[in-house]
Amino acid sequence: MSEDFLEYLHELSEDFGPISTRAMFGGHGVYFEGRIIGIVIDDALYLKADDQTRPAFEAAGCAPFVYESRGKSVPMSYWSLPAEAMDSAQAFLPWARRANEAALRKPIGRKRAKKKAAK
């Protein structure tokens, strides 16, 4: 993971607002106002998308981050950005806003069903 890339990401987000990054799962999480809006894996940024914002990512030719688990490809709700979005804070701004909107729509702390103990 390149510290230079993370520094550049902070510069890109200047028009959007202050972000923070934290190491996680071999990459970094990108946070805005305490909510995760993106992930950085191998110096590539993927921003949060949902049913309402995914069409914009698809129309721009972006793709979801996909990882392998138990021999299957698993797409995540984090999508790549068009190259021009990484060129300037102004070009990055609409994509950051979409990611934040998707993060705001996601419910906080999904509760998992507790498994009943075997008797």
Protein backbone atom coordinates (compact mmCIF):
# COMPACT_ATOMS: atom_id res chain seq x y z
CA MET A 1 0.00 0.00 0.00
CA SER A 2 1.43 3.29 -1.07
CA GLU A 3 1.34 6.17 1.42
CA ASP A 4 1.64 8.49 -1.59
CA PHE A 5 -1.66 7.16 -2.96
CA LEU A 6 -3.40 7.73 0.37
CA GLU A 7 -2.00 11.28 0.53
CA TYR A 8 -3.27 11.93 -2.99
CA LEU A 9 -6.68 10.59 -2.01
CA HIS A 10 -6.84 13.14 0.81
CA GLU A 11 -5.99 15.89 -1.70
CA LEU A 12 -8.68 14.65 -4.10
CA SER A 13 -11.30 14.87 -1.37
CA GLU A 14 -10.59 18.52 -0.54
CA ASP A 15 -13.76 19.79 -2.30
CA PHE A 16 -15.82 16.98 -0.75
CA GLY A 17 -14.67 17.22 2.85
CA PRO A 18 -12.15 15.68 5.23
CA ILE A 19 -11.79 11.92 4.94
CA SER A 20 -9.88 9.50 7.09
CA THR A 21 -8.30 6.20 6.17
CA ARG A 22 -7.66 3.12 8.28
CA ALA A 23 -5.82 -0.08 7.52
CA MET A 24 -8.14 -3.07 7.10
CA PHE A 25 -8.13 -6.45 5.34
CA GLY A 26 -4.88 -5.88 3.47
CA GLY A 27 -6.03 -2.46 2.25
CA HIS A 28 -7.56 0.67 3.74
CA GLY A 29 -11.07 1.82 4.51
CA VAL A 30 -12.02 5.36 3.50
CA TYR A 31 -14.30 7.14 5.96
CA PHE A 32 -16.32 10.35 5.88
CA GLU A 33 -18.09 11.54 9.01
CA GLY A 34 -17.60 8.13 10.62
CA ARG A 35 -19.10 6.08 7.77
CA ILE A 36 -17.13 3.95 5.35
CA ILE A 37 -17.52 5.28 1.81
CA GLY A 38 -14.73 3.42 0.07
CA ILE A 39 -11.87 0.96 0.14
CA VAL A 40 -8.34 1.15 -1.21
CA ILE A 41 -6.84 -2.12 -2.43
CA ASP A 42 -3.48 -2.24 -4.24
CA ASP A 43 -3.47 1.54 -4.82
CA ALA A 44 -6.90 1.45 -6.44
CA LEU A 45 -9.93 3.23 -4.98
CA TYR A 46 -13.39 1.66 -4.93
CA LEU A 47 -16.33 3.74 -3.70
CA LYS A 48 -19.57 2.57 -2.08
CA ALA A 49 -22.50 2.06 -4.44
CA ASP A 50 -26.07 0.91 -3.93
CA ASP A 51 -29.15 0.35 -6.11
CA GLN A 52 -29.61 4.09 -6.59
CA THR A 53 -26.00 4.98 -7.47
CA ARG A 54 -24.85 1.79 -9.21
CA PRO A 55 -26.29 2.85 -12.61
CA ALA A 56 -23.94 5.88 -12.70
CA PHE A 57 -20.94 3.63 -12.02
CA GLU A 58 -22.10 1.15 -14.67
CA ALA A 59 -22.71 3.91 -17.25
CA ALA A 60 -19.15 5.18 -16.69
CA GLY A 61 -17.72 1.71 -17.37
CA CYS A 62 -16.75 1.03 -13.76
CA ALA A 63 -16.72 -2.40 -12.13
CA PRO A 64 -17.24 -3.76 -8.61
CA PHE A 65 -14.36 -4.92 -6.46
CA VAL A 66 -14.41 -8.73 -6.58
CA TYR A 67 -12.63 -11.12 -4.25
CA GLU A 68 -12.32 -14.90 -4.26
CA SER A 69 -13.89 -16.97 -1.48
CA ARG A 70 -14.13 -20.74 -1.48
CA GLY A 71 -13.49 -20.89 -5.21
CA LYS A 72 -16.19 -18.33 -6.05
CA SER A 73 -15.96 -14.71 -7.15
CA VAL A 74 -17.76 -12.42 -4.73
CA PRO A 75 -18.56 -8.87 -5.92
CA MET A 76 -18.73 -6.18 -3.25
CA SER A 77 -20.75 -2.97 -3.16
CA TYR A 78 -17.59 -0.93 -3.81
CA TRP A 79 -16.98 0.15 -7.40
CA SER A 80 -14.00 1.45 -9.33
CA LEU A 81 -14.05 5.00 -10.69
CA PRO A 82 -13.60 6.35 -14.19
CA ALA A 83 -9.97 7.43 -14.71
CA GLU A 84 -10.89 11.11 -15.05
CA ALA A 85 -12.46 11.08 -11.55
CA MET A 86 -8.95 10.60 -10.16
CA ASP A 87 -7.57 13.62 -12.06
CA SER A 88 -8.85 16.46 -9.88
CA ALA A 89 -10.82 17.27 -6.74
CA GLN A 90 -13.58 18.72 -8.94
CA ALA A 91 -13.85 15.54 -11.06
CA PHE A 92 -13.78 13.38 -7.92
CA LEU A 93 -16.52 15.33 -6.11
CA PRO A 94 -19.66 13.81 -7.72
CA TRP A 95 -18.34 10.28 -7.17
CA ALA A 96 -17.55 10.96 -3.52
CA ARG A 97 -21.05 12.40 -3.07
CA ARG A 98 -22.60 9.26 -4.60
CA ALA A 99 -20.57 7.07 -2.26
CA ASN A 100 -21.61 9.13 0.75
CA GLU A 101 -25.28 9.00 -0.29
CA ALA A 102 -25.07 5.20 -0.57
CA ALA A 103 -23.38 5.00 2.85
CA LEU A 104 -26.08 7.20 4.40
CA ARG A 105 -28.82 4.94 3.03
CA LYS A 106 -27.22 1.80 4.49
CA PRO A 107 -28.63 0.92 7.91
CA ILE A 108 -26.11 1.11 10.74
CA GLY A 109 -25.16 -2.09 12.56
CA ARG A 110 -27.20 -4.84 11.01
CA LYS A 111 -28.12 -7.23 13.79
CA ARG A 112 -27.31 -10.85 13.18
CA ALA A 113 -29.68 -13.56 14.27
CA LYS A 114 -28.32 -15.39 17.26
CA LYS A 115 -27.89 -19.11 16.87
CA LYS A 116 -29.63 -21.17 19.50
CA ALA A 117 -27.29 -23.27 21.57
CA ALA A 118 -27.63 -27.00 21.09
CA LYS A 119 -29.12 -28.69 24.14
